[in-house]
Amino acid sequence: MTPKGLAESIRNRLFADRDNFDDALDYAYSIAKGTDNPAAVMTAVMVVVNTLANYIEQTEVEKV
């Protein structure tokens, strides 16, 4: 899968984005802090991030 294909497969236009990854994580942290269980929110966010990282790595290996 190409990087463009990867982006298209994970993008959900119902939601916004941020200028960069750090800003997006900062946003997630700020939302998590406003909940009764910020650790649970950030766990869910980081599971998605780690899964995406694994997928990107797998895609890069397949290109070689």
PDB file of N, CA and C in Angstrom:
ATOM      1  N   MET A   1       0.846  -1.172   0.000  1.00  0.00           N
ATOM      2  CA  MET A   1       0.000   0.000   0.000  1.00  0.00           C
ATOM      3  C   MET A   1       0.894   1.239   0.000  1.00  0.00           C
ATOM      4  N   THR A   2       0.493   2.208  -0.751  1.00  0.00           N
ATOM      5  CA  THR A   2       1.251   3.460  -0.802  1.00  0.00           C
ATOM      6  C   THR A   2       0.924   4.317   0.414  1.00  0.00           C
ATOM      7  N   PRO A   3       1.788   5.275   0.730  1.00  0.00           N
ATOM      8  CA  PRO A   3       1.443   6.193   1.825  1.00  0.00           C
ATOM      9  C   PRO A   3       0.096   6.895   1.602  1.00  0.00           C
ATOM     10  N   LYS A   4      -0.179   7.266   0.359  1.00  0.00           N
ATOM     11  CA  LYS A   4      -1.472   7.902   0.060  1.00  0.00           C
ATOM     12  C   LYS A   4      -2.620   6.934   0.314  1.00  0.00           C
ATOM     13  N   GLY A   5      -2.443   5.693  -0.085  1.00  0.00           N
ATOM     14  CA  GLY A   5      -3.473   4.681   0.155  1.00  0.00           C
ATOM     15  C   GLY A   5      -3.686   4.437   1.634  1.00  0.00           C
ATOM     16  N   LEU A   6      -2.595   4.432   2.390  1.00  0.00           N
ATOM     17  CA  LEU A   6      -2.697   4.274   3.840  1.00  0.00           C
ATOM     18  C   LEU A   6      -3.496   5.424   4.434  1.00  0.00           C
ATOM     19  N   ALA A   7      -3.145   6.636   4.050  1.00  0.00           N
ATOM     20  CA  ALA A   7      -3.859   7.802   4.569  1.00  0.00           C
ATOM     21  C   ALA A   7      -5.345   7.733   4.235  1.00  0.00           C
ATOM     22  N   GLU A   8      -5.660   7.364   3.016  1.00  0.00           N
ATOM     23  CA  GLU A   8      -7.056   7.267   2.604  1.00  0.00           C
ATOM     24  C   GLU A   8      -7.800   6.184   3.379  1.00  0.00           C
ATOM     25  N   SER A   9      -7.104   5.098   3.715  1.00  0.00           N
ATOM     26  CA  SER A   9      -7.773   3.989   4.392  1.00  0.00           C
ATOM     27  C   SER A   9      -8.067   4.282   5.861  1.00  0.00           C
ATOM     28  N   ILE A  10      -7.322   5.209   6.475  1.00  0.00           N
ATOM     29  CA  ILE A  10      -7.542   5.492   7.897  1.00  0.00           C
ATOM     30  C   ILE A  10      -8.249   6.813   8.162  1.00  0.00           C
ATOM     31  N   ARG A  11      -8.339   7.676   7.175  1.00  0.00           N
ATOM     32  CA  ARG A  11      -8.939   8.997   7.374  1.00  0.00           C
ATOM     33  C   ARG A  11     -10.445   8.883   7.563  1.00  0.00           C
ATOM     34  N   ASN A  12     -10.955   9.652   8.522  1.00  0.00           N
ATOM     35  CA  ASN A  12     -12.394   9.752   8.744  1.00  0.00           C
ATOM     36  C   ASN A  12     -12.730  11.234   8.702  1.00  0.00           C
ATOM     37  N   ARG A  13     -13.379  11.651   7.654  1.00  0.00           N
ATOM     38  CA  ARG A  13     -13.642  13.073   7.440  1.00  0.00           C
ATOM     39  C   ARG A  13     -14.688  13.654   8.397  1.00  0.00           C
ATOM     40  N   LEU A  14     -15.281  12.809   9.232  1.00  0.00           N
ATOM     41  CA  LEU A  14     -16.203  13.296  10.241  1.00  0.00           C
ATOM     42  C   LEU A  14     -15.458  14.110  11.302  1.00  0.00           C
ATOM     43  N   PHE A  15     -14.153  13.827  11.459  1.00  0.00           N
ATOM     44  CA  PHE A  15     -13.355  14.459  12.497  1.00  0.00           C
ATOM     45  C   PHE A  15     -12.314  15.393  11.894  1.00  0.00           C
ATOM     46  N   ALA A  16     -11.869  16.341  12.714  1.00  0.00           N
ATOM     47  CA  ALA A  16     -10.857  17.312  12.288  1.00  0.00           C
ATOM     48  C   ALA A  16      -9.468  16.690  12.334  1.00  0.00           C
ATOM     49  N   ASP A  17      -8.477  17.498  12.067  1.00  0.00           N
ATOM     50  CA  ASP A  17      -7.087  17.083  12.200  1.00  0.00           C
ATOM     51  C   ASP A  17      -6.293  18.238  12.800  1.00  0.00           C
ATOM     52  N   ARG A  18      -5.018  18.035  12.971  1.00  0.00           N
ATOM     53  CA  ARG A  18      -4.112  19.063  13.493  1.00  0.00           C
ATOM     54  C   ARG A  18      -2.958  19.221  12.518  1.00  0.00           C
ATOM     55  N   ASP A  19      -2.181  20.270  12.685  1.00  0.00           N
ATOM     56  CA  ASP A  19      -1.083  20.553  11.766  1.00  0.00           C
ATOM     57  C   ASP A  19       0.025  19.503  11.812  1.00  0.00           C
ATOM     58  N   ASN A  20       0.210  18.873  12.978  1.00  0.00           N
ATOM     59  CA  ASN A  20       1.256  17.858  13.094  1.00  0.00           C
ATOM     60  C   ASN A  20       0.872  16.864  14.191  1.00  0.00           C
ATOM     61  N   PHE A  21       1.665  15.804  14.271  1.00  0.00           N
ATOM     62  CA  PHE A  21       1.354  14.713  15.188  1.00  0.00           C
ATOM     63  C   PHE A  21       1.410  15.163  16.647  1.00  0.00           C
ATOM     64  N   ASP A  22       2.411  15.970  17.014  1.00  0.00           N
ATOM     65  CA  ASP A  22       2.518  16.440  18.395  1.00  0.00           C
ATOM     66  C   ASP A  22       1.294  17.255  18.804  1.00  0.00           C
ATOM     67  N   ASP A  23       0.824  18.120  17.918  1.00  0.00           N
ATOM     68  CA  ASP A  23      -0.371  18.901  18.223  1.00  0.00           C
ATOM     69  C   ASP A  23      -1.590  17.992  18.393  1.00  0.00           C
ATOM     70  N   ALA A  24      -1.668  16.952  17.584  1.00  0.00           N
ATOM     71  CA  ALA A  24      -2.792  16.021  17.686  1.00  0.00           C
ATOM     72  C   ALA A  24      -2.759  15.280  19.027  1.00  0.00           C
ATOM     73  N   LEU A  25      -1.577  14.846  19.453  1.00  0.00           N
ATOM     74  CA  LEU A  25      -1.480  14.179  20.750  1.00  0.00           C
ATOM     75  C   LEU A  25      -1.767  15.143  21.889  1.00  0.00           C
ATOM     76  N   ASP A  26      -1.298  16.375  21.785  1.00  0.00           N
ATOM     77  CA  ASP A  26      -1.603  17.380  22.809  1.00  0.00           C
ATOM     78  C   ASP A  26      -3.112  17.586  22.921  1.00  0.00           C
ATOM     79  N   TYR A  27      -3.786  17.606  21.781  1.00  0.00           N
ATOM     80  CA  TYR A  27      -5.239  17.741  21.780  1.00  0.00           C
ATOM     81  C   TYR A  27      -5.886  16.554  22.495  1.00  0.00           C
ATOM     82  N   ALA A  28      -5.418  15.351  22.185  1.00  0.00           N
ATOM     83  CA  ALA A  28      -5.965  14.162  22.841  1.00  0.00           C
ATOM     84  C   ALA A  28      -5.746  14.217  24.351  1.00  0.00           C
ATOM     85  N   TYR A  29      -4.543  14.647  24.767  1.00  0.00           N
ATOM     86  CA  TYR A  29      -4.265  14.781  26.201  1.00  0.00           C
ATOM     87  C   TYR A  29      -5.210  15.794  26.847  1.00  0.00           C
ATOM     88  N   SER A  30      -5.455  16.914  26.167  1.00  0.00           N
ATOM     89  CA  SER A  30      -6.327  17.936  26.759  1.00  0.00           C
ATOM     90  C   SER A  30      -7.761  17.425  26.892  1.00  0.00           C
ATOM     91  N   ILE A  31      -8.218  16.660  25.929  1.00  0.00           N
ATOM     92  CA  ILE A  31      -9.555  16.067  26.011  1.00  0.00           C
ATOM     93  C   ILE A  31      -9.590  15.038  27.141  1.00  0.00           C
ATOM     94  N   ALA A  32      -8.556  14.223  27.231  1.00  0.00           N
ATOM     95  CA  ALA A  32      -8.499  13.187  28.266  1.00  0.00           C
ATOM     96  C   ALA A  32      -8.546  13.801  29.661  1.00  0.00           C
ATOM     97  N   LYS A  33      -7.843  14.910  29.848  1.00  0.00           N
ATOM     98  CA  LYS A  33      -7.816  15.562  31.162  1.00  0.00           C
ATOM     99  C   LYS A  33      -9.201  16.018  31.606  1.00  0.00           C
ATOM    100  N   GLY A  34     -10.085  16.268  30.658  1.00  0.00           N
ATOM    101  CA  GLY A  34     -11.429  16.729  30.970  1.00  0.00           C
ATOM    102  C   GLY A  34     -12.410  15.606  31.259  1.00  0.00           C
ATOM    103  N   THR A  35     -11.924  14.379  31.325  1.00  0.00           N
ATOM    104  CA  THR A  35     -12.811  13.244  31.579  1.00  0.00           C
ATOM    105  C   THR A  35     -12.593  12.696  32.986  1.00  0.00           C
ATOM    106  N   ASP A  36     -13.466  11.801  33.377  1.00  0.00           N
ATOM    107  CA  ASP A  36     -13.334  11.140  34.676  1.00  0.00           C
ATOM    108  C   ASP A  36     -12.219  10.098  34.682  1.00  0.00           C
ATOM    109  N   ASN A  37     -11.797   9.667  33.493  1.00  0.00           N
ATOM    110  CA  ASN A  37     -10.782   8.630  33.416  1.00  0.00           C
ATOM    111  C   ASN A  37      -9.796   8.935  32.278  1.00  0.00           C
ATOM    112  N   PRO A  38      -8.927   9.919  32.477  1.00  0.00           N
ATOM    113  CA  PRO A  38      -7.999  10.296  31.406  1.00  0.00           C
ATOM    114  C   PRO A  38      -7.076   9.154  30.979  1.00  0.00           C
ATOM    115  N   ALA A  39      -6.702   8.281  31.910  1.00  0.00           N
ATOM    116  CA  ALA A  39      -5.825   7.165  31.543  1.00  0.00           C
ATOM    117  C   ALA A  39      -6.506   6.237  30.541  1.00  0.00           C
ATOM    118  N   ALA A  40      -7.784   6.011  30.707  1.00  0.00           N
ATOM    119  CA  ALA A  40      -8.516   5.142  29.776  1.00  0.00           C
ATOM    120  C   ALA A  40      -8.587   5.774  28.394  1.00  0.00           C
ATOM    121  N   VAL A  41      -8.838   7.066  28.343  1.00  0.00           N
ATOM    122  CA  VAL A  41      -8.909   7.763  27.056  1.00  0.00           C
ATOM    123  C   VAL A  41      -7.562   7.688  26.349  1.00  0.00           C
ATOM    124  N   MET A  42      -6.476   7.993  27.067  1.00  0.00           N
ATOM    125  CA  MET A  42      -5.159   7.988  26.450  1.00  0.00           C
ATOM    126  C   MET A  42      -4.710   6.573  26.096  1.00  0.00           C
ATOM    127  N   THR A  43      -5.140   5.589  26.846  1.00  0.00           N
ATOM    128  CA  THR A  43      -4.830   4.208  26.476  1.00  0.00           C
ATOM    129  C   THR A  43      -5.456   3.891  25.123  1.00  0.00           C
ATOM    130  N   ALA A  44      -6.702   4.265  24.942  1.00  0.00           N
ATOM    131  CA  ALA A  44      -7.376   4.022  23.663  1.00  0.00           C
ATOM    132  C   ALA A  44      -6.680   4.767  22.527  1.00  0.00           C
ATOM    133  N   VAL A  45      -6.320   6.016  22.758  1.00  0.00           N
ATOM    134  CA  VAL A  45      -5.619   6.803  21.731  1.00  0.00           C
ATOM    135  C   VAL A  45      -4.297   6.134  21.366  1.00  0.00           C
ATOM    136  N   MET A  46      -3.533   5.728  22.362  1.00  0.00           N
ATOM    137  CA  MET A  46      -2.213   5.173  22.094  1.00  0.00           C
ATOM    138  C   MET A  46      -2.287   3.781  21.475  1.00  0.00           C
ATOM    139  N   VAL A  47      -3.331   3.020  21.744  1.00  0.00           N
ATOM    140  CA  VAL A  47      -3.528   1.742  21.052  1.00  0.00           C
ATOM    141  C   VAL A  47      -3.707   2.006  19.558  1.00  0.00           C
ATOM    142  N   VAL A  48      -4.485   3.009  19.214  1.00  0.00           N
ATOM    143  CA  VAL A  48      -4.676   3.362  17.804  1.00  0.00           C
ATOM    144  C   VAL A  48      -3.353   3.822  17.195  1.00  0.00           C
ATOM    145  N   VAL A  49      -2.612   4.676  17.901  1.00  0.00           N
ATOM    146  CA  VAL A  49      -1.335   5.178  17.395  1.00  0.00           C
ATOM    147  C   VAL A  49      -0.353   4.025  17.181  1.00  0.00           C
ATOM    148  N   ASN A  50      -0.233   3.134  18.160  1.00  0.00           N
ATOM    149  CA  ASN A  50       0.687   2.005  18.021  1.00  0.00           C
ATOM    150  C   ASN A  50       0.287   1.072  16.889  1.00  0.00           C
ATOM    151  N   THR A  51      -1.006   0.839  16.729  1.00  0.00           N
ATOM    152  CA  THR A  51      -1.488  -0.002  15.641  1.00  0.00           C
ATOM    153  C   THR A  51      -1.158   0.627  14.296  1.00  0.00           C
ATOM    154  N   LEU A  52      -1.331   1.924  14.195  1.00  0.00           N
ATOM    155  CA  LEU A  52      -0.979   2.633  12.965  1.00  0.00           C
ATOM    156  C   LEU A  52       0.524   2.548  12.702  1.00  0.00           C
ATOM    157  N   ALA A  53       1.336   2.724  13.734  1.00  0.00           N
ATOM    158  CA  ALA A  53       2.789   2.617  13.576  1.00  0.00           C
ATOM    159  C   ALA A  53       3.174   1.224  13.086  1.00  0.00           C
ATOM    160  N   ASN A  54       2.569   0.190  13.664  1.00  0.00           N
ATOM    161  CA  ASN A  54       2.841  -1.176  13.218  1.00  0.00           C
ATOM    162  C   ASN A  54       2.476  -1.358  11.756  1.00  0.00           C
ATOM    163  N   TYR A  55       1.346  -0.803  11.367  1.00  0.00           N
ATOM    164  CA  TYR A  55       0.881  -0.928   9.989  1.00  0.00           C
ATOM    165  C   TYR A  55       1.827  -0.209   9.033  1.00  0.00           C
ATOM    166  N   ILE A  56       2.281   0.955   9.415  1.00  0.00           N
ATOM    167  CA  ILE A  56       3.235   1.701   8.570  1.00  0.00           C
ATOM    168  C   ILE A  56       4.522   0.899   8.412  1.00  0.00           C
ATOM    169  N   GLU A  57       5.045   0.359   9.515  1.00  0.00           N
ATOM    170  CA  GLU A  57       6.253  -0.457   9.439  1.00  0.00           C
ATOM    171  C   GLU A  57       6.058  -1.669   8.549  1.00  0.00           C
ATOM    172  N   GLN A  58       4.931  -2.334   8.687  1.00  0.00           N
ATOM    173  CA  GLN A  58       4.630  -3.509   7.872  1.00  0.00           C
ATOM    174  C   GLN A  58       4.578  -3.129   6.400  1.00  0.00           C
ATOM    175  N   THR A  59       3.960  -2.003   6.102  1.00  0.00           N
ATOM    176  CA  THR A  59       3.835  -1.546   4.723  1.00  0.00           C
ATOM    177  C   THR A  59       5.209  -1.253   4.141  1.00  0.00           C
ATOM    178  N   GLU A  60       6.096  -0.641   4.924  1.00  0.00           N
ATOM    179  CA  GLU A  60       7.438  -0.334   4.458  1.00  0.00           C
ATOM    180  C   GLU A  60       8.230  -1.604   4.181  1.00  0.00           C
ATOM    181  N   VAL A  61       8.091  -2.627   5.029  1.00  0.00           N
ATOM    182  CA  VAL A  61       8.790  -3.901   4.839  1.00  0.00           C
ATOM    183  C   VAL A  61       8.309  -4.568   3.562  1.00  0.00           C
ATOM    184  N   GLU A  62       7.013  -4.514   3.294  1.00  0.00           N
ATOM    185  CA  GLU A  62       6.455  -5.147   2.095  1.00  0.00           C
ATOM    186  C   GLU A  62       6.937  -4.480   0.818  1.00  0.00           C
ATOM    187  N   LYS A  63       7.309  -3.192   0.886  1.00  0.00           N
ATOM    188  CA  LYS A  63       7.783  -2.485  -0.302  1.00  0.00           C
ATOM    189  C   LYS A  63       9.178  -2.919  -0.706  1.00  0.00           C
ATOM    190  N   VAL A  64       9.949  -3.463   0.261  1.00  0.00           N
ATOM    191  CA  VAL A  64      11.349  -3.825  -0.029  1.00  0.00           C
ATOM    192  C   VAL A  64      11.433  -5.067  -0.849  1.00  0.00           C
TER     193      VAL A  64
END
